[in-house]
N, C-alpha and C. Protein backbone atom coordinates (compact mmCIF):
# COMPACT_ATOMS: atom_id res chain seq x y z
N MET A 1 11.71 19.04 58.62
CA MET A 1 10.47 18.76 59.44
C MET A 1 10.14 16.82 58.92
N TYR A 2 8.98 16.13 60.33
CA TYR A 2 8.95 14.80 59.97
C TYR A 2 8.28 14.95 60.27
N GLY A 3 6.46 14.32 59.89
CA GLY A 3 5.46 14.11 59.95
C GLY A 3 4.58 12.43 59.81
N LEU A 4 3.83 12.09 60.19
CA LEU A 4 2.86 10.33 59.88
C LEU A 4 2.00 11.03 60.21
N ILE A 5 1.48 10.41 59.41
CA ILE A 5 -0.23 10.61 59.68
C ILE A 5 -0.43 8.39 59.48
N GLY A 6 -1.73 8.40 60.72
CA GLY A 6 -1.90 7.44 60.84
C GLY A 6 -3.39 6.99 61.02
N LYS A 7 -4.15 5.68 61.04
CA LYS A 7 -5.30 4.95 61.44
C LYS A 7 -5.10 4.42 62.31
N MET A 8 -6.02 4.72 63.39
CA MET A 8 -6.46 3.28 64.19
C MET A 8 -7.91 3.30 64.53
N THR A 9 -7.73 2.04 64.65
CA THR A 9 -9.44 1.59 64.85
C THR A 9 -9.53 1.02 66.06
N ALA A 10 -10.50 1.63 66.75
CA ALA A 10 -10.60 1.15 68.34
C ALA A 10 -11.68 0.50 68.61
N GLN A 11 -11.54 -0.48 69.72
CA GLN A 11 -12.56 -1.41 69.88
C GLN A 11 -13.56 -1.00 70.14
N PRO A 12 -14.24 -1.85 69.44
CA PRO A 12 -16.36 -0.89 69.95
C PRO A 12 -16.45 -0.34 71.01
N GLY A 13 -16.99 0.75 71.23
CA GLY A 13 -17.83 1.35 72.39
C GLY A 13 -16.73 2.08 73.08
N HIS A 14 -15.39 1.84 72.24
CA HIS A 14 -13.91 2.80 73.57
C HIS A 14 -13.57 3.75 72.33
N ARG A 15 -13.75 4.20 71.19
CA ARG A 15 -13.62 5.32 70.46
C ARG A 15 -13.17 6.66 71.23
N ASP A 16 -14.18 7.48 71.85
CA ASP A 16 -14.33 8.48 72.48
C ASP A 16 -13.41 8.20 73.46
N GLU A 17 -13.41 7.50 74.82
CA GLU A 17 -12.17 7.09 76.07
C GLU A 17 -10.59 7.01 75.03
N LEU A 18 -10.60 6.10 73.66
CA LEU A 18 -9.02 6.25 73.65
C LEU A 18 -9.04 7.50 73.07
N VAL A 19 -9.53 7.96 72.05
CA VAL A 19 -9.28 9.92 72.09
C VAL A 19 -8.63 10.21 73.11
N ARG A 20 -9.55 10.57 74.08
CA ARG A 20 -8.91 11.69 75.73
C ARG A 20 -7.27 10.58 75.26
N VAL A 21 -7.58 9.20 76.20
CA VAL A 21 -6.06 8.84 76.01
C VAL A 21 -4.82 10.11 75.32
N LEU A 22 -4.61 9.78 73.39
CA LEU A 22 -4.13 9.99 73.16
C LEU A 22 -3.66 11.95 73.16
N ILE A 23 -5.20 12.60 72.89
CA ILE A 23 -4.88 14.12 73.44
C ILE A 23 -4.09 14.01 74.49
N GLU A 24 -4.89 13.31 75.62
CA GLU A 24 -4.18 13.81 76.90
C GLU A 24 -2.75 13.65 76.87
N GLY A 25 -1.71 12.31 76.25
CA GLY A 25 -0.78 12.22 75.74
C GLY A 25 -0.17 12.41 75.48
N VAL A 26 -0.49 14.33 74.87
CA VAL A 26 0.90 15.06 74.06
C VAL A 26 0.46 16.11 74.54
N SER A 27 0.45 16.48 75.51
CA SER A 27 0.59 18.11 75.87
C SER A 27 1.79 18.71 75.75
N GLY A 28 2.64 19.19 75.73
CA GLY A 28 3.32 20.18 74.97
C GLY A 28 4.37 19.20 75.61
N LEU A 29 4.96 18.14 74.12
CA LEU A 29 6.03 17.07 74.21
C LEU A 29 7.02 17.77 72.83
N PRO A 30 8.33 17.60 74.03
CA PRO A 30 9.14 18.19 73.50
C PRO A 30 9.79 18.14 71.74
N GLY A 31 9.62 18.93 70.29
CA GLY A 31 9.44 18.72 69.23
C GLY A 31 8.80 18.37 68.65
N CYS A 32 7.37 18.63 68.84
CA CYS A 32 6.27 18.49 68.51
C CYS A 32 5.18 19.85 68.05
N LEU A 33 4.95 19.83 66.69
CA LEU A 33 4.66 20.80 66.62
C LEU A 33 3.53 20.95 65.88
N SER A 34 2.96 19.80 66.35
CA SER A 34 1.28 19.51 65.60
C SER A 34 0.69 18.41 65.64
N TYR A 35 -0.29 17.61 66.55
CA TYR A 35 -0.70 16.66 66.74
C TYR A 35 -2.20 16.38 66.83
N ILE A 36 -2.83 16.44 65.45
CA ILE A 36 -4.02 16.22 65.94
C ILE A 36 -4.54 14.90 65.27
N VAL A 37 -6.12 14.75 66.35
CA VAL A 37 -6.29 13.69 66.57
C VAL A 37 -7.93 13.95 65.96
N ALA A 38 -8.69 13.32 65.01
CA ALA A 38 -10.09 12.72 64.20
C ALA A 38 -10.26 11.82 64.51
N LEU A 39 -11.59 12.37 64.59
CA LEU A 39 -12.50 11.10 64.28
C LEU A 39 -12.97 10.65 63.24
N ASP A 40 -13.19 9.76 62.32
CA ASP A 40 -13.84 9.75 61.20
C ASP A 40 -15.01 9.77 61.38
N PRO A 41 -15.76 10.11 60.07
CA PRO A 41 -17.06 10.66 60.08
C PRO A 41 -17.94 9.42 59.34
N LEU A 42 -17.36 7.60 58.80
CA LEU A 42 -18.30 7.17 58.09
C LEU A 42 -17.61 5.91 59.18
N GLU A 43 -17.01 5.52 59.83
CA GLU A 43 -16.34 4.63 60.17
C GLU A 43 -16.29 5.10 62.03
N PRO A 44 -17.48 4.34 62.69
CA PRO A 44 -17.68 4.91 63.57
C PRO A 44 -16.05 4.59 64.70
N GLU A 45 -15.71 3.65 64.70
CA GLU A 45 -14.27 3.31 65.30
C GLU A 45 -13.08 3.76 64.98
N VAL A 46 -13.17 4.42 63.45
CA VAL A 46 -12.13 4.50 63.83
C VAL A 46 -11.56 6.89 63.71
N ILE A 47 -9.83 6.52 63.59
CA ILE A 47 -9.04 8.13 64.42
C ILE A 47 -8.03 8.18 63.59
N TRP A 48 -7.89 9.17 62.81
CA TRP A 48 -6.84 9.75 62.03
C TRP A 48 -5.97 10.36 62.92
N ILE A 49 -5.21 9.85 63.24
CA ILE A 49 -3.72 10.80 63.58
C ILE A 49 -2.74 11.97 62.36
N THR A 50 -2.86 13.03 62.80
CA THR A 50 -1.23 13.73 61.80
C THR A 50 -0.79 14.44 63.05
N GLU A 51 0.43 14.25 62.51
CA GLU A 51 1.48 15.33 63.36
C GLU A 51 2.72 15.08 63.24
N ALA A 52 3.19 16.71 63.27
CA ALA A 52 4.16 16.89 62.67
C ALA A 52 4.95 17.14 63.41
N TRP A 53 6.62 16.59 63.17
CA TRP A 53 7.48 17.10 64.25
C TRP A 53 8.88 17.97 63.81
N GLN A 54 9.24 18.13 64.98
CA GLN A 54 11.32 19.14 64.71
C GLN A 54 11.78 17.94 64.14
N SER A 55 11.38 16.66 63.91
CA SER A 55 12.75 15.86 63.36
C SER A 55 11.99 14.53 63.52
N LYS A 56 12.95 13.76 62.54
CA LYS A 56 11.91 11.80 62.64
C LYS A 56 12.82 11.72 64.93
N GLU A 57 14.38 12.42 64.78
CA GLU A 57 14.77 11.64 66.66
C GLU A 57 13.53 12.41 67.55
N ALA A 58 13.17 13.73 66.92
CA ALA A 58 11.95 14.46 68.02
C ALA A 58 11.31 12.86 67.98
N HIS A 59 10.75 12.45 66.98
CA HIS A 59 9.74 12.18 67.90
C HIS A 59 10.00 10.60 68.21
N GLY A 60 11.39 9.89 68.18
CA GLY A 60 11.54 8.30 68.01
C GLY A 60 12.19 9.41 70.00
N ALA A 61 12.26 10.27 70.42
CA ALA A 61 12.26 10.68 71.62
C ALA A 61 11.76 10.96 72.89
N SER A 62 10.13 11.15 71.81
CA SER A 62 9.03 11.03 72.84
C SER A 62 8.17 10.35 73.04
N LEU A 63 8.91 8.62 72.41
CA LEU A 63 8.26 7.63 73.07
C LEU A 63 8.81 7.00 73.95
N THR A 64 10.04 7.94 74.02
CA THR A 64 10.52 7.11 75.98
C THR A 64 10.49 8.33 76.77
N LEU A 65 9.55 9.06 76.81
CA LEU A 65 8.97 10.02 78.01
C LEU A 65 7.78 8.73 78.04
N PRO A 66 8.02 9.41 79.61
CA PRO A 66 6.96 8.78 81.01
C PRO A 66 5.24 8.63 80.55
N ALA A 67 5.43 10.17 79.93
CA ALA A 67 3.77 10.52 80.07
C ALA A 67 2.89 9.87 78.75
N VAL A 68 4.26 9.55 77.76
CA VAL A 68 4.02 9.06 76.13
C VAL A 68 3.67 7.27 76.44
N ARG A 69 5.20 6.89 77.58
CA ARG A 69 4.65 5.62 77.25
C ARG A 69 3.85 5.10 78.21
N ASP A 70 2.87 5.99 79.29
CA ASP A 70 1.68 5.96 79.77
C ASP A 70 0.26 5.94 79.44
N ALA A 71 0.54 7.24 78.11
CA ALA A 71 -0.26 7.06 77.51
C ALA A 71 -0.81 5.49 76.50
N ILE A 72 0.34 4.79 76.91
CA ILE A 72 0.61 3.96 75.11
C ILE A 72 -0.27 2.87 76.09
N SER A 73 0.44 2.67 77.18
CA SER A 73 0.28 1.46 78.49
C SER A 73 -1.67 1.57 78.57
N ARG A 74 -2.20 2.91 78.73
CA ARG A 74 -3.41 2.77 78.95
C ARG A 74 -4.26 3.00 77.66
N GLY A 75 -3.95 3.27 76.57
CA GLY A 75 -4.24 3.44 75.46
C GLY A 75 -4.51 1.55 74.76
N ARG A 76 -3.55 0.51 74.75
CA ARG A 76 -3.10 -0.30 74.10
C ARG A 76 -4.46 -1.12 73.65
N PRO A 77 -4.46 -1.95 75.01
CA PRO A 77 -6.08 -2.56 75.37
C PRO A 77 -7.17 -2.14 74.55
N MET A 78 -7.54 -0.14 74.44
CA MET A 78 -8.43 -0.25 73.08
C MET A 78 -8.23 -0.28 71.96
N ILE A 79 -7.56 -0.67 71.92
CA ILE A 79 -6.97 -0.71 70.12
C ILE A 79 -7.34 -1.98 69.83
N ALA A 80 -7.62 -1.67 68.01
CA ALA A 80 -8.01 -3.09 67.98
C ALA A 80 -7.08 -2.87 66.71
N GLY A 81 -6.99 -2.39 65.92
CA GLY A 81 -5.92 -2.36 65.08
C GLY A 81 -5.09 -0.64 64.36
N MET A 82 -3.65 -0.66 63.94
CA MET A 82 -2.94 0.50 63.97
C MET A 82 -2.88 0.53 62.93
N SER A 83 -2.18 1.24 61.35
CA SER A 83 -2.18 1.49 60.25
C SER A 83 -0.98 3.01 59.89
N ARG A 84 0.28 2.97 59.66
CA ARG A 84 1.15 4.45 59.80
C ARG A 84 0.89 4.33 57.94
N VAL A 85 -0.09 4.84 57.70
CA VAL A 85 -0.74 5.52 56.04
C VAL A 85 0.22 6.00 55.51
N ALA A 86 1.45 7.03 55.83
CA ALA A 86 2.37 7.68 55.61
C ALA A 86 3.32 8.24 56.86
N GLU A 87 4.87 8.25 55.86
CA GLU A 87 5.38 8.77 56.22
C GLU A 87 5.27 10.50 55.60
N THR A 88 5.71 11.78 56.37
CA THR A 88 5.77 12.99 55.39
C THR A 88 7.18 14.00 55.80
N ALA A 89 6.95 14.73 55.10
CA ALA A 89 7.75 16.06 55.37
C ALA A 89 7.69 17.19 54.65
N PRO A 90 6.87 17.41 55.96
CA PRO A 90 5.67 18.95 56.00
C PRO A 90 6.40 19.83 55.43
N ALA A 91 6.34 20.74 54.83
CA ALA A 91 7.11 22.34 54.38
C ALA A 91 6.02 23.47 54.82
N GLY A 92 5.50 23.16 55.55
CA GLY A 92 4.84 24.20 56.36
C GLY A 92 2.70 24.16 56.73
N GLY A 93 2.34 25.70 56.18
CA GLY A 93 0.63 25.85 56.18
C GLY A 93 -0.03 26.51 56.92
N TYR A 94 -1.14 26.73 57.53
CA TYR A 94 -1.70 27.74 58.58
C TYR A 94 -1.56 26.19 59.34
N GLY A 95 -1.25 27.40 61.15
CA GLY A 95 -1.08 26.61 62.22
C GLY A 95 0.45 26.35 62.03
N LEU A 96 1.39 25.31 61.22
CA LEU A 96 2.32 24.81 61.45
C LEU A 96 3.58 25.65 61.02
N SER A 97 3.97 26.45 62.08
CA SER A 97 5.91 27.30 61.50
C SER A 97 7.13 26.30 61.80
N ALA A 98 7.96 26.46 60.42
CA ALA A 98 9.07 26.30 60.24
C ALA A 98 9.64 25.83 61.08
N PRO A 99 10.57 24.51 61.59
CA PRO A 99 11.56 25.07 62.79
C PRO A 99 12.50 25.57 63.32
N ALA A 100 13.29 26.59 63.81
CA ALA A 100 14.26 27.53 63.17
C ALA A 100 14.92 26.66 63.40
N HIS A 101 16.70 27.42 62.52
CA HIS A 101 17.50 26.23 62.82
C HIS A 101 18.65 27.05 63.43
């Protein structure tokens, strides 16, 4: 499995709209095991995104899908900054099943 943890900062006043775009853009993506969008309770414009994929290749392939490209183009103007906090290798956990081999 392949995982990412990212921090995104929304333009002032656009966090909730950006969260909607992020959540709408990931429904039913092939190879996506988990995609969690969370609000930072202390920083009002910060969004945390935690992803788990069957593989790094599945994540890369998702970036070429029309729904994802549309979400990126709609969300980009609302983003003030973003950083990849960590790449991970998920081992499992509640709500996350290991992919079939």
